[in-house]
Structures are given as C-alpha cells and as structure tokens.
Amino acid sequence: MNNPIEHLNKIFDSRIRLGIMSAVMVNDEVNFNDLKELIQVTDGNLASHLKTLEENNYIKVNKGFVGRKTNTTYAVTKTGERAFKTHLEALEKMIKGIK
C-alpha cells in the first residue's frame, strides 16, 4: 500500500470540521446549537465550516421548525461517511507506522 498520508483529506484538517464530522458520525442528526456548544465556536465560524462540508456533500442539512422556532439539523451523507472513515484509517496507519 502507498503512504497513508496520501489518504488524508484536506477538508478534515480543521479541528472544527473534525468536530462536526465526529458528531454527525455518532448521531443520526445534530442541531446547530448543539454543535455550537459541543465545538465551542461562534455562529459564523460554525456556519462557514458547515457550508464547506455541505458543498462537498459530506453532510446534509434539514431545515424545519420546532413550534415557531427554526430548527436546522445536520446528518452525515454516505459520501461523508466514506470520506471520514478513509481519513481516520489513514491517520491510524500513520500513528501505527503501517504502510
């Protein structure tokens, strides 16, 4: 196998995107405020990272309402799940020194 570093995904370089992907991988869906609290970032910062992940088809966005309040939730896509698992496997191989 070739060098695992080649399988690292540049999109997941950001700790914020890593946090978002980790949250959506282990939950069916996560709402904006929960993500914001979990990752400890501003609305604007979180929104820009979510947009990048959405544009790359790694997460899907569901906009709805809870009562009269808007509720936006995020879930991982199949593409996102595959990309993130590949990224994590490459990291693991680098850590273990496996080629």
PDB file of N, CA and C in Angstrom:
ATOM      1  N   MET A   1       0.842  -1.195   0.000  1.00  0.00           N
ATOM      2  CA  MET A   1       0.000   0.000   0.000  1.00  0.00           C
ATOM      3  C   MET A   1       0.881   1.251   0.000  1.00  0.00           C
ATOM      4  N   ASN A   2       0.398   2.295  -0.608  1.00  0.00           N
ATOM      5  CA  ASN A   2       1.167   3.535  -0.644  1.00  0.00           C
ATOM      6  C   ASN A   2       1.102   4.266   0.700  1.00  0.00           C
ATOM      7  N   ASN A   3       1.786   5.368   0.775  1.00  0.00           N
ATOM      8  CA  ASN A   3       1.900   6.141   2.001  1.00  0.00           C
ATOM      9  C   ASN A   3       0.527   6.599   2.513  1.00  0.00           C
ATOM     10  N   PRO A   4       0.194   6.301   3.787  1.00  0.00           N
ATOM     11  CA  PRO A   4      -1.125   6.687   4.313  1.00  0.00           C
ATOM     12  C   PRO A   4      -1.406   8.187   4.281  1.00  0.00           C
ATOM     13  N   ILE A   5      -0.357   9.006   4.281  1.00  0.00           N
ATOM     14  CA  ILE A   5      -0.565  10.460   4.277  1.00  0.00           C
ATOM     15  C   ILE A   5      -1.307  10.901   3.013  1.00  0.00           C
ATOM     16  N   GLU A   6      -1.184  10.131   1.946  1.00  0.00           N
ATOM     17  CA  GLU A   6      -1.881  10.448   0.699  1.00  0.00           C
ATOM     18  C   GLU A   6      -3.394  10.293   0.830  1.00  0.00           C
ATOM     19  N   HIS A   7      -3.828   9.559   1.858  1.00  0.00           N
ATOM     20  CA  HIS A   7      -5.263   9.322   2.056  1.00  0.00           C
ATOM     21  C   HIS A   7      -5.888  10.282   3.057  1.00  0.00           C
ATOM     22  N   LEU A   8      -5.085  11.211   3.578  1.00  0.00           N
ATOM     23  CA  LEU A   8      -5.649  12.227   4.460  1.00  0.00           C
ATOM     24  C   LEU A   8      -6.430  13.222   3.615  1.00  0.00           C
ATOM     25  N   ASN A   9      -7.567  13.642   4.136  1.00  0.00           N
ATOM     26  CA  ASN A   9      -8.448  14.552   3.411  1.00  0.00           C
ATOM     27  C   ASN A   9      -8.241  15.973   3.929  1.00  0.00           C
ATOM     28  N   LYS A  10      -7.823  16.863   3.048  1.00  0.00           N
ATOM     29  CA  LYS A  10      -7.536  18.254   3.406  1.00  0.00           C
ATOM     30  C   LYS A  10      -8.742  18.933   4.075  1.00  0.00           C
ATOM     31  N   ILE A  11      -9.937  18.543   3.698  1.00  0.00           N
ATOM     32  CA  ILE A  11     -11.147  19.155   4.260  1.00  0.00           C
ATOM     33  C   ILE A  11     -11.242  18.902   5.766  1.00  0.00           C
ATOM     34  N   PHE A  12     -10.674  17.789   6.223  1.00  0.00           N
ATOM     35  CA  PHE A  12     -10.745  17.461   7.644  1.00  0.00           C
ATOM     36  C   PHE A  12      -9.543  17.988   8.433  1.00  0.00           C
ATOM     37  N   ASP A  13      -8.723  18.862   7.834  1.00  0.00           N
ATOM     38  CA  ASP A  13      -7.595  19.464   8.549  1.00  0.00           C
ATOM     39  C   ASP A  13      -8.055  20.341   9.712  1.00  0.00           C
ATOM     40  N   SER A  14      -9.210  20.951   9.567  1.00  0.00           N
ATOM     41  CA  SER A  14      -9.718  21.873  10.573  1.00  0.00           C
ATOM     42  C   SER A  14     -10.278  21.123  11.784  1.00  0.00           C
ATOM     43  N   ARG A  15      -9.922  21.570  12.972  1.00  0.00           N
ATOM     44  CA  ARG A  15     -10.450  20.921  14.190  1.00  0.00           C
ATOM     45  C   ARG A  15     -11.973  21.080  14.264  1.00  0.00           C
ATOM     46  N   ILE A  16     -12.475  22.173  13.714  1.00  0.00           N
ATOM     47  CA  ILE A  16     -13.922  22.398  13.744  1.00  0.00           C
ATOM     48  C   ILE A  16     -14.638  21.389  12.848  1.00  0.00           C
ATOM     49  N   ARG A  17     -14.109  21.179  11.644  1.00  0.00           N
ATOM     50  CA  ARG A  17     -14.723  20.195  10.746  1.00  0.00           C
ATOM     51  C   ARG A  17     -14.574  18.779  11.285  1.00  0.00           C
ATOM     52  N   LEU A  18     -13.450  18.505  11.945  1.00  0.00           N
ATOM     53  CA  LEU A  18     -13.279  17.198  12.594  1.00  0.00           C
ATOM     54  C   LEU A  18     -14.354  17.014  13.660  1.00  0.00           C
ATOM     55  N   GLY A  19     -14.599  18.064  14.427  1.00  0.00           N
ATOM     56  CA  GLY A  19     -15.624  18.009  15.469  1.00  0.00           C
ATOM     57  C   GLY A  19     -17.016  17.801  14.901  1.00  0.00           C
ATOM     58  N   ILE A  20     -17.329  18.523  13.838  1.00  0.00           N
ATOM     59  CA  ILE A  20     -18.642  18.381  13.195  1.00  0.00           C
ATOM     60  C   ILE A  20     -18.820  16.956  12.688  1.00  0.00           C
ATOM     61  N   MET A  21     -17.813  16.469  11.959  1.00  0.00           N
ATOM     62  CA  MET A  21     -17.919  15.122  11.388  1.00  0.00           C
ATOM     63  C   MET A  21     -18.010  14.060  12.478  1.00  0.00           C
ATOM     64  N   SER A  22     -17.250  14.230  13.545  1.00  0.00           N
ATOM     65  CA  SER A  22     -17.318  13.270  14.654  1.00  0.00           C
ATOM     66  C   SER A  22     -18.724  13.234  15.240  1.00  0.00           C
ATOM     67  N   ALA A  23     -19.323  14.406  15.406  1.00  0.00           N
ATOM     68  CA  ALA A  23     -20.667  14.490  15.986  1.00  0.00           C
ATOM     69  C   ALA A  23     -21.719  13.853  15.075  1.00  0.00           C
ATOM     70  N   VAL A  24     -21.637  14.123  13.771  1.00  0.00           N
ATOM     71  CA  VAL A  24     -22.663  13.572  12.871  1.00  0.00           C
ATOM     72  C   VAL A  24     -22.442  12.093  12.584  1.00  0.00           C
ATOM     73  N   MET A  25     -21.231  11.597  12.792  1.00  0.00           N
ATOM     74  CA  MET A  25     -20.969  10.167  12.593  1.00  0.00           C
ATOM     75  C   MET A  25     -21.616   9.326  13.698  1.00  0.00           C
ATOM     76  N   VAL A  26     -21.706   9.859  14.893  1.00  0.00           N
ATOM     77  CA  VAL A  26     -22.216   9.069  16.019  1.00  0.00           C
ATOM     78  C   VAL A  26     -23.657   9.403  16.399  1.00  0.00           C
ATOM     79  N   ASN A  27     -24.252  10.383  15.736  1.00  0.00           N
ATOM     80  CA  ASN A  27     -25.653  10.752  15.979  1.00  0.00           C
ATOM     81  C   ASN A  27     -26.414  10.712  14.659  1.00  0.00           C
ATOM     82  N   ASP A  28     -27.686  10.375  14.718  1.00  0.00           N
ATOM     83  CA  ASP A  28     -28.499  10.384  13.498  1.00  0.00           C
ATOM     84  C   ASP A  28     -28.542  11.781  12.898  1.00  0.00           C
ATOM     85  N   GLU A  29     -28.694  12.771  13.765  1.00  0.00           N
ATOM     86  CA  GLU A  29     -28.648  14.167  13.345  1.00  0.00           C
ATOM     87  C   GLU A  29     -28.295  15.027  14.554  1.00  0.00           C
ATOM     88  N   VAL A  30     -27.734  16.201  14.287  1.00  0.00           N
ATOM     89  CA  VAL A  30     -27.327  17.117  15.350  1.00  0.00           C
ATOM     90  C   VAL A  30     -27.791  18.515  14.953  1.00  0.00           C
ATOM     91  N   ASN A  31     -28.373  19.261  15.895  1.00  0.00           N
ATOM     92  CA  ASN A  31     -28.823  20.607  15.529  1.00  0.00           C
ATOM     93  C   ASN A  31     -27.693  21.630  15.714  1.00  0.00           C
ATOM     94  N   PHE A  32     -27.899  22.782  15.111  1.00  0.00           N
ATOM     95  CA  PHE A  32     -26.881  23.840  15.065  1.00  0.00           C
ATOM     96  C   PHE A  32     -26.408  24.223  16.458  1.00  0.00           C
ATOM     97  N   ASN A  33     -27.339  24.468  17.367  1.00  0.00           N
ATOM     98  CA  ASN A  33     -26.958  24.927  18.706  1.00  0.00           C
ATOM     99  C   ASN A  33     -26.171  23.881  19.479  1.00  0.00           C
ATOM    100  N   ASP A  34     -26.540  22.610  19.313  1.00  0.00           N
ATOM    101  CA  ASP A  34     -25.784  21.545  19.986  1.00  0.00           C
ATOM    102  C   ASP A  34     -24.357  21.466  19.442  1.00  0.00           C
ATOM    103  N   LEU A  35     -24.224  21.605  18.128  1.00  0.00           N
ATOM    104  CA  LEU A  35     -22.882  21.603  17.521  1.00  0.00           C
ATOM    105  C   LEU A  35     -22.062  22.785  18.023  1.00  0.00           C
ATOM    106  N   LYS A  36     -22.697  23.942  18.075  1.00  0.00           N
ATOM    107  CA  LYS A  36     -22.015  25.156  18.521  1.00  0.00           C
ATOM    108  C   LYS A  36     -21.498  24.988  19.952  1.00  0.00           C
ATOM    109  N   GLU A  37     -22.320  24.423  20.803  1.00  0.00           N
ATOM    110  CA  GLU A  37     -21.941  24.207  22.201  1.00  0.00           C
ATOM    111  C   GLU A  37     -20.841  23.142  22.306  1.00  0.00           C
ATOM    112  N   LEU A  38     -20.984  22.079  21.547  1.00  0.00           N
ATOM    113  CA  LEU A  38     -20.018  20.979  21.571  1.00  0.00           C
ATOM    114  C   LEU A  38     -18.626  21.431  21.126  1.00  0.00           C
ATOM    115  N   ILE A  39     -18.578  22.222  20.060  1.00  0.00           N
ATOM    116  CA  ILE A  39     -17.299  22.601  19.458  1.00  0.00           C
ATOM    117  C   ILE A  39     -16.773  23.929  20.004  1.00  0.00           C
ATOM    118  N   GLN A  40     -17.655  24.703  20.658  1.00  0.00           N
ATOM    119  CA  GLN A  40     -17.259  25.978  21.273  1.00  0.00           C
ATOM    120  C   GLN A  40     -16.751  26.988  20.241  1.00  0.00           C
ATOM    121  N   VAL A  41     -17.610  27.297  19.264  1.00  0.00           N
ATOM    122  CA  VAL A  41     -17.278  28.283  18.230  1.00  0.00           C
ATOM    123  C   VAL A  41     -18.431  29.264  18.062  1.00  0.00           C
ATOM    124  N   THR A  42     -18.165  30.350  17.358  1.00  0.00           N
ATOM    125  CA  THR A  42     -19.212  31.342  17.091  1.00  0.00           C
ATOM    126  C   THR A  42     -20.156  30.824  16.003  1.00  0.00           C
ATOM    127  N   ASP A  43     -21.326  31.440  15.918  1.00  0.00           N
ATOM    128  CA  ASP A  43     -22.304  31.075  14.883  1.00  0.00           C
ATOM    129  C   ASP A  43     -21.692  31.154  13.492  1.00  0.00           C
ATOM    130  N   GLY A  44     -21.041  32.275  13.204  1.00  0.00           N
ATOM    131  CA  GLY A  44     -20.480  32.496  11.873  1.00  0.00           C
ATOM    132  C   GLY A  44     -19.391  31.501  11.514  1.00  0.00           C
ATOM    133  N   ASN A  45     -18.538  31.217  12.482  1.00  0.00           N
ATOM    134  CA  ASN A  45     -17.454  30.263  12.260  1.00  0.00           C
ATOM    135  C   ASN A  45     -18.019  28.874  11.974  1.00  0.00           C
ATOM    136  N   LEU A  46     -18.964  28.447  12.801  1.00  0.00           N
ATOM    137  CA  LEU A  46     -19.581  27.140  12.608  1.00  0.00           C
ATOM    138  C   LEU A  46     -20.297  27.079  11.262  1.00  0.00           C
ATOM    139  N   ALA A  47     -21.041  28.119  10.944  1.00  0.00           N
ATOM    140  CA  ALA A  47     -21.801  28.148   9.684  1.00  0.00           C
ATOM    141  C   ALA A  47     -20.887  28.013   8.473  1.00  0.00           C
ATOM    142  N   SER A  48     -19.736  28.672   8.495  1.00  0.00           N
ATOM    143  CA  SER A  48     -18.838  28.594   7.336  1.00  0.00           C
ATOM    144  C   SER A  48     -18.257  27.190   7.175  1.00  0.00           C
ATOM    145  N   HIS A  49     -17.950  26.524   8.284  1.00  0.00           N
ATOM    146  CA  HIS A  49     -17.427  25.152   8.203  1.00  0.00           C
ATOM    147  C   HIS A  49     -18.518  24.167   7.773  1.00  0.00           C
ATOM    148  N   LEU A  50     -19.731  24.387   8.264  1.00  0.00           N
ATOM    149  CA  LEU A  50     -20.858  23.535   7.842  1.00  0.00           C
ATOM    150  C   LEU A  50     -21.095  23.678   6.337  1.00  0.00           C
ATOM    151  N   LYS A  51     -20.988  24.903   5.844  1.00  0.00           N
ATOM    152  CA  LYS A  51     -21.186  25.168   4.414  1.00  0.00           C
ATOM    153  C   LYS A  51     -20.156  24.411   3.576  1.00  0.00           C
ATOM    154  N   THR A  52     -18.899  24.421   4.008  1.00  0.00           N
ATOM    155  CA  THR A  52     -17.846  23.678   3.296  1.00  0.00           C
ATOM    156  C   THR A  52     -18.168  22.191   3.252  1.00  0.00           C
ATOM    157  N   LEU A  53     -18.581  21.642   4.376  1.00  0.00           N
ATOM    158  CA  LEU A  53     -18.915  20.209   4.425  1.00  0.00           C
ATOM    159  C   LEU A  53     -20.136  19.901   3.565  1.00  0.00           C
ATOM    160  N   GLU A  54     -21.110  20.800   3.573  1.00  0.00           N
ATOM    161  CA  GLU A  54     -22.312  20.608   2.757  1.00  0.00           C
ATOM    162  C   GLU A  54     -21.966  20.697   1.265  1.00  0.00           C
ATOM    163  N   GLU A  55     -21.143  21.662   0.881  1.00  0.00           N
ATOM    164  CA  GLU A  55     -20.758  21.825  -0.524  1.00  0.00           C
ATOM    165  C   GLU A  55     -19.999  20.615  -1.059  1.00  0.00           C
ATOM    166  N   ASN A  56     -19.314  19.909  -0.173  1.00  0.00           N
ATOM    167  CA  ASN A  56     -18.584  18.707  -0.572  1.00  0.00           C
ATOM    168  C   ASN A  56     -19.428  17.444  -0.422  1.00  0.00           C
ATOM    169  N   ASN A  57     -20.715  17.633  -0.115  1.00  0.00           N
ATOM    170  CA  ASN A  57     -21.667  16.534   0.034  1.00  0.00           C
ATOM    171  C   ASN A  57     -21.279  15.567   1.164  1.00  0.00           C
ATOM    172  N   TYR A  58     -20.669  16.095   2.218  1.00  0.00           N
ATOM    173  CA  TYR A  58     -20.304  15.271   3.371  1.00  0.00           C
ATOM    174  C   TYR A  58     -21.389  15.292   4.442  1.00  0.00           C
ATOM    175  N   ILE A  59     -22.170  16.367   4.460  1.00  0.00           N
ATOM    176  CA  ILE A  59     -23.308  16.440   5.380  1.00  0.00           C
ATOM    177  C   ILE A  59     -24.526  16.929   4.614  1.00  0.00           C
ATOM    178  N   LYS A  60     -25.698  16.567   5.144  1.00  0.00           N
ATOM    179  CA  LYS A  60     -26.943  17.105   4.570  1.00  0.00           C
ATOM    180  C   LYS A  60     -27.619  17.952   5.636  1.00  0.00           C
ATOM    181  N   VAL A  61     -28.310  18.970   5.168  1.00  0.00           N
ATOM    182  CA  VAL A  61     -28.945  19.940   6.048  1.00  0.00           C
ATOM    183  C   VAL A  61     -30.455  19.755   5.981  1.00  0.00           C
ATOM    184  N   ASN A  62     -31.087  19.719   7.137  1.00  0.00           N
ATOM    185  CA  ASN A  62     -32.548  19.640   7.207  1.00  0.00           C
ATOM    186  C   ASN A  62     -33.044  20.850   7.987  1.00  0.00           C
ATOM    187  N   LYS A  63     -33.812  21.683   7.303  1.00  0.00           N
ATOM    188  CA  LYS A  63     -34.365  22.872   7.972  1.00  0.00           C
ATOM    189  C   LYS A  63     -35.825  22.603   8.299  1.00  0.00           C
ATOM    190  N   GLY A  64     -36.182  22.876   9.537  1.00  0.00           N
ATOM    191  CA  GLY A  64     -37.551  22.659   9.964  1.00  0.00           C
ATOM    192  C   GLY A  64     -37.907  23.605  11.088  1.00  0.00           C
ATOM    193  N   PHE A  65     -38.991  23.290  11.747  1.00  0.00           N
ATOM    194  CA  PHE A  65     -39.448  24.127  12.857  1.00  0.00           C
ATOM    195  C   PHE A  65     -39.744  23.265  14.070  1.00  0.00           C
ATOM    196  N   VAL A  66     -39.466  23.821  15.239  1.00  0.00           N
ATOM    197  CA  VAL A  66     -39.917  23.264  16.498  1.00  0.00           C
ATOM    198  C   VAL A  66     -40.792  24.355  17.084  1.00  0.00           C
ATOM    199  N   GLY A  67     -42.090  24.130  17.035  1.00  0.00           N
ATOM    200  CA  GLY A  67     -43.021  25.202  17.375  1.00  0.00           C
ATOM    201  C   GLY A  67     -42.886  26.290  16.333  1.00  0.00           C
ATOM    202  N   ARG A  68     -42.589  27.500  16.766  1.00  0.00           N
ATOM    203  CA  ARG A  68     -42.408  28.614  15.828  1.00  0.00           C
ATOM    204  C   ARG A  68     -40.940  28.915  15.555  1.00  0.00           C
ATOM    205  N   LYS A  69     -40.055  28.197  16.235  1.00  0.00           N
ATOM    206  CA  LYS A  69     -38.621  28.456  16.067  1.00  0.00           C
ATOM    207  C   LYS A  69     -38.042  27.564  14.977  1.00  0.00           C
ATOM    208  N   THR A  70     -37.144  28.145  14.189  1.00  0.00           N
ATOM    209  CA  THR A  70     -36.476  27.334  13.171  1.00  0.00           C
ATOM    210  C   THR A  70     -35.536  26.347  13.853  1.00  0.00           C
ATOM    211  N   ASN A  71     -35.407  25.192  13.265  1.00  0.00           N
ATOM    212  CA  ASN A  71     -34.514  24.169  13.789  1.00  0.00           C
ATOM    213  C   ASN A  71     -33.771  23.553  12.607  1.00  0.00           C
ATOM    214  N   THR A  72     -32.476  23.782  12.541  1.00  0.00           N
ATOM    215  CA  THR A  72     -31.663  23.239  11.474  1.00  0.00           C
ATOM    216  C   THR A  72     -30.845  22.089  12.033  1.00  0.00           C
ATOM    217  N   THR A  73     -30.956  20.935  11.395  1.00  0.00           N
ATOM    218  CA  THR A  73     -30.177  19.780  11.826  1.00  0.00           C
ATOM    219  C   THR A  73     -29.273  19.320  10.693  1.00  0.00           C
ATOM    220  N   TYR A  74     -28.237  18.601  11.076  1.00  0.00           N
ATOM    221  CA  TYR A  74     -27.230  18.124  10.138  1.00  0.00           C
ATOM    222  C   TYR A  74     -27.033  16.630  10.340  1.00  0.00           C
ATOM    223  N   ALA A  75     -26.832  15.934   9.230  1.00  0.00           N
ATOM    224  CA  ALA A  75     -26.590  14.495   9.274  1.00  0.00           C
ATOM    225  C   ALA A  75     -25.511  14.160   8.253  1.00  0.00           C
ATOM    226  N   VAL A  76     -24.794  13.083   8.505  1.00  0.00           N
ATOM    227  CA  VAL A  76     -23.733  12.665   7.588  1.00  0.00           C
ATOM    228  C   VAL A  76     -24.354  12.018   6.344  1.00  0.00           C
ATOM    229  N   THR A  77     -23.730  12.209   5.201  1.00  0.00           N
ATOM    230  CA  THR A  77     -24.149  11.532   3.973  1.00  0.00           C
ATOM    231  C   THR A  77     -23.292  10.273   3.816  1.00  0.00           C
ATOM    232  N   LYS A  78     -23.667   9.405   2.889  1.00  0.00           N
ATOM    233  CA  LYS A  78     -22.851   8.209   2.603  1.00  0.00           C
ATOM    234  C   LYS A  78     -21.458   8.632   2.135  1.00  0.00           C
ATOM    235  N   THR A  79     -21.410   9.654   1.297  1.00  0.00           N
ATOM    236  CA  THR A  79     -20.127  10.170   0.800  1.00  0.00           C
ATOM    237  C   THR A  79     -19.276  10.670   1.961  1.00  0.00           C
ATOM    238  N   GLY A  80     -19.903  11.424   2.864  1.00  0.00           N
ATOM    239  CA  GLY A  80     -19.193  11.952   4.024  1.00  0.00           C
ATOM    240  C   GLY A  80     -18.690  10.854   4.940  1.00  0.00           C
ATOM    241  N   GLU A  81     -19.525   9.851   5.132  1.00  0.00           N
ATOM    242  CA  GLU A  81     -19.149   8.726   5.995  1.00  0.00           C
ATOM    243  C   GLU A  81     -17.927   8.001   5.424  1.00  0.00           C
ATOM    244  N   ARG A  82     -17.948   7.734   4.126  1.00  0.00           N
ATOM    245  CA  ARG A  82     -16.813   7.057   3.472  1.00  0.00           C
ATOM    246  C   ARG A  82     -15.544   7.908   3.554  1.00  0.00           C
ATOM    247  N   ALA A  83     -15.676   9.190   3.246  1.00  0.00           N
ATOM    248  CA  ALA A  83     -14.511  10.086   3.256  1.00  0.00           C
ATOM    249  C   ALA A  83     -13.907  10.196   4.656  1.00  0.00           C
ATOM    250  N   PHE A  84     -14.759  10.300   5.666  1.00  0.00           N
ATOM    251  CA  PHE A  84     -14.266  10.459   7.032  1.00  0.00           C
ATOM    252  C   PHE A  84     -13.609   9.171   7.523  1.00  0.00           C
ATOM    253  N   LYS A  85     -14.201   8.035   7.207  1.00  0.00           N
ATOM    254  CA  LYS A  85     -13.607   6.744   7.612  1.00  0.00           C
ATOM    255  C   LYS A  85     -12.249   6.549   6.940  1.00  0.00           C
ATOM    256  N   THR A  86     -12.142   6.901   5.678  1.00  0.00           N
ATOM    257  CA  THR A  86     -10.866   6.798   4.964  1.00  0.00           C
ATOM    258  C   THR A  86      -9.815   7.688   5.621  1.00  0.00           C
ATOM    259  N   HIS A  87     -10.227   8.894   5.993  1.00  0.00           N
ATOM    260  CA  HIS A  87      -9.337   9.843   6.668  1.00  0.00           C
ATOM    261  C   HIS A  87      -8.859   9.272   8.010  1.00  0.00           C
ATOM    262  N   LEU A  88      -9.785   8.738   8.786  1.00  0.00           N
ATOM    263  CA  LEU A  88      -9.432   8.188  10.102  1.00  0.00           C
ATOM    264  C   LEU A  88      -8.524   6.969   9.976  1.00  0.00           C
ATOM    265  N   GLU A  89      -8.792   6.121   8.982  1.00  0.00           N
ATOM    266  CA  GLU A  89      -7.944   4.944   8.761  1.00  0.00           C
ATOM    267  C   GLU A  89      -6.525   5.367   8.397  1.00  0.00           C
ATOM    268  N   ALA A  90      -6.403   6.402   7.570  1.00  0.00           N
ATOM    269  CA  ALA A  90      -5.077   6.898   7.185  1.00  0.00           C
ATOM    270  C   ALA A  90      -4.343   7.447   8.409  1.00  0.00           C
ATOM    271  N   LEU A  91      -5.055   8.189   9.254  1.00  0.00           N
ATOM    272  CA  LEU A  91      -4.444   8.709  10.489  1.00  0.00           C
ATOM    273  C   LEU A  91      -3.960   7.564  11.375  1.00  0.00           C
ATOM    274  N   GLU A  92      -4.796   6.555  11.505  1.00  0.00           N
ATOM    275  CA  GLU A  92      -4.456   5.407  12.343  1.00  0.00           C
ATOM    276  C   GLU A  92      -3.205   4.698  11.816  1.00  0.00           C
ATOM    277  N   LYS A  93      -3.150   4.528  10.507  1.00  0.00           N
ATOM    278  CA  LYS A  93      -1.978   3.868   9.910  1.00  0.00           C
ATOM    279  C   LYS A  93      -0.715   4.697  10.102  1.00  0.00           C
ATOM    280  N   MET A  94      -0.864   6.015   9.996  1.00  0.00           N
ATOM    281  CA  MET A  94       0.309   6.890  10.226  1.00  0.00           C
ATOM    282  C   MET A  94       0.795   6.765  11.657  1.00  0.00           C
ATOM    283  N   ILE A  95      -0.133   6.734  12.601  1.00  0.00           N
ATOM    284  CA  ILE A  95       0.213   6.649  14.018  1.00  0.00           C
ATOM    285  C   ILE A  95       0.908   5.324  14.308  1.00  0.00           C
ATOM    286  N   LYS A  96       0.387   4.260  13.713  1.00  0.00           N
ATOM    287  CA  LYS A  96       0.952   2.922  13.949  1.00  0.00           C
ATOM    288  C   LYS A  96       2.180   2.651  13.082  1.00  0.00           C
ATOM    289  N   GLY A  97       2.429   3.516  12.104  1.00  0.00           N
ATOM    290  CA  GLY A  97       3.592   3.328  11.236  1.00  0.00           C
ATOM    291  C   GLY A  97       3.418   2.229  10.207  1.00  0.00           C
ATOM    292  N   ILE A  98       2.152   1.947   9.854  1.00  0.00           N
ATOM    293  CA  ILE A  98       1.861   0.901   8.863  1.00  0.00           C
ATOM    294  C   ILE A  98       1.866   1.517   7.471  1.00  0.00           C
ATOM    295  N   LYS A  99       2.439   0.809   6.536  1.00  0.00           N
ATOM    296  CA  LYS A  99       2.405   1.288   5.141  1.00  0.00           C
ATOM    297  C   LYS A  99       1.490   0.443   4.308  1.00  0.00           C
TER     298      LYS A  99
END
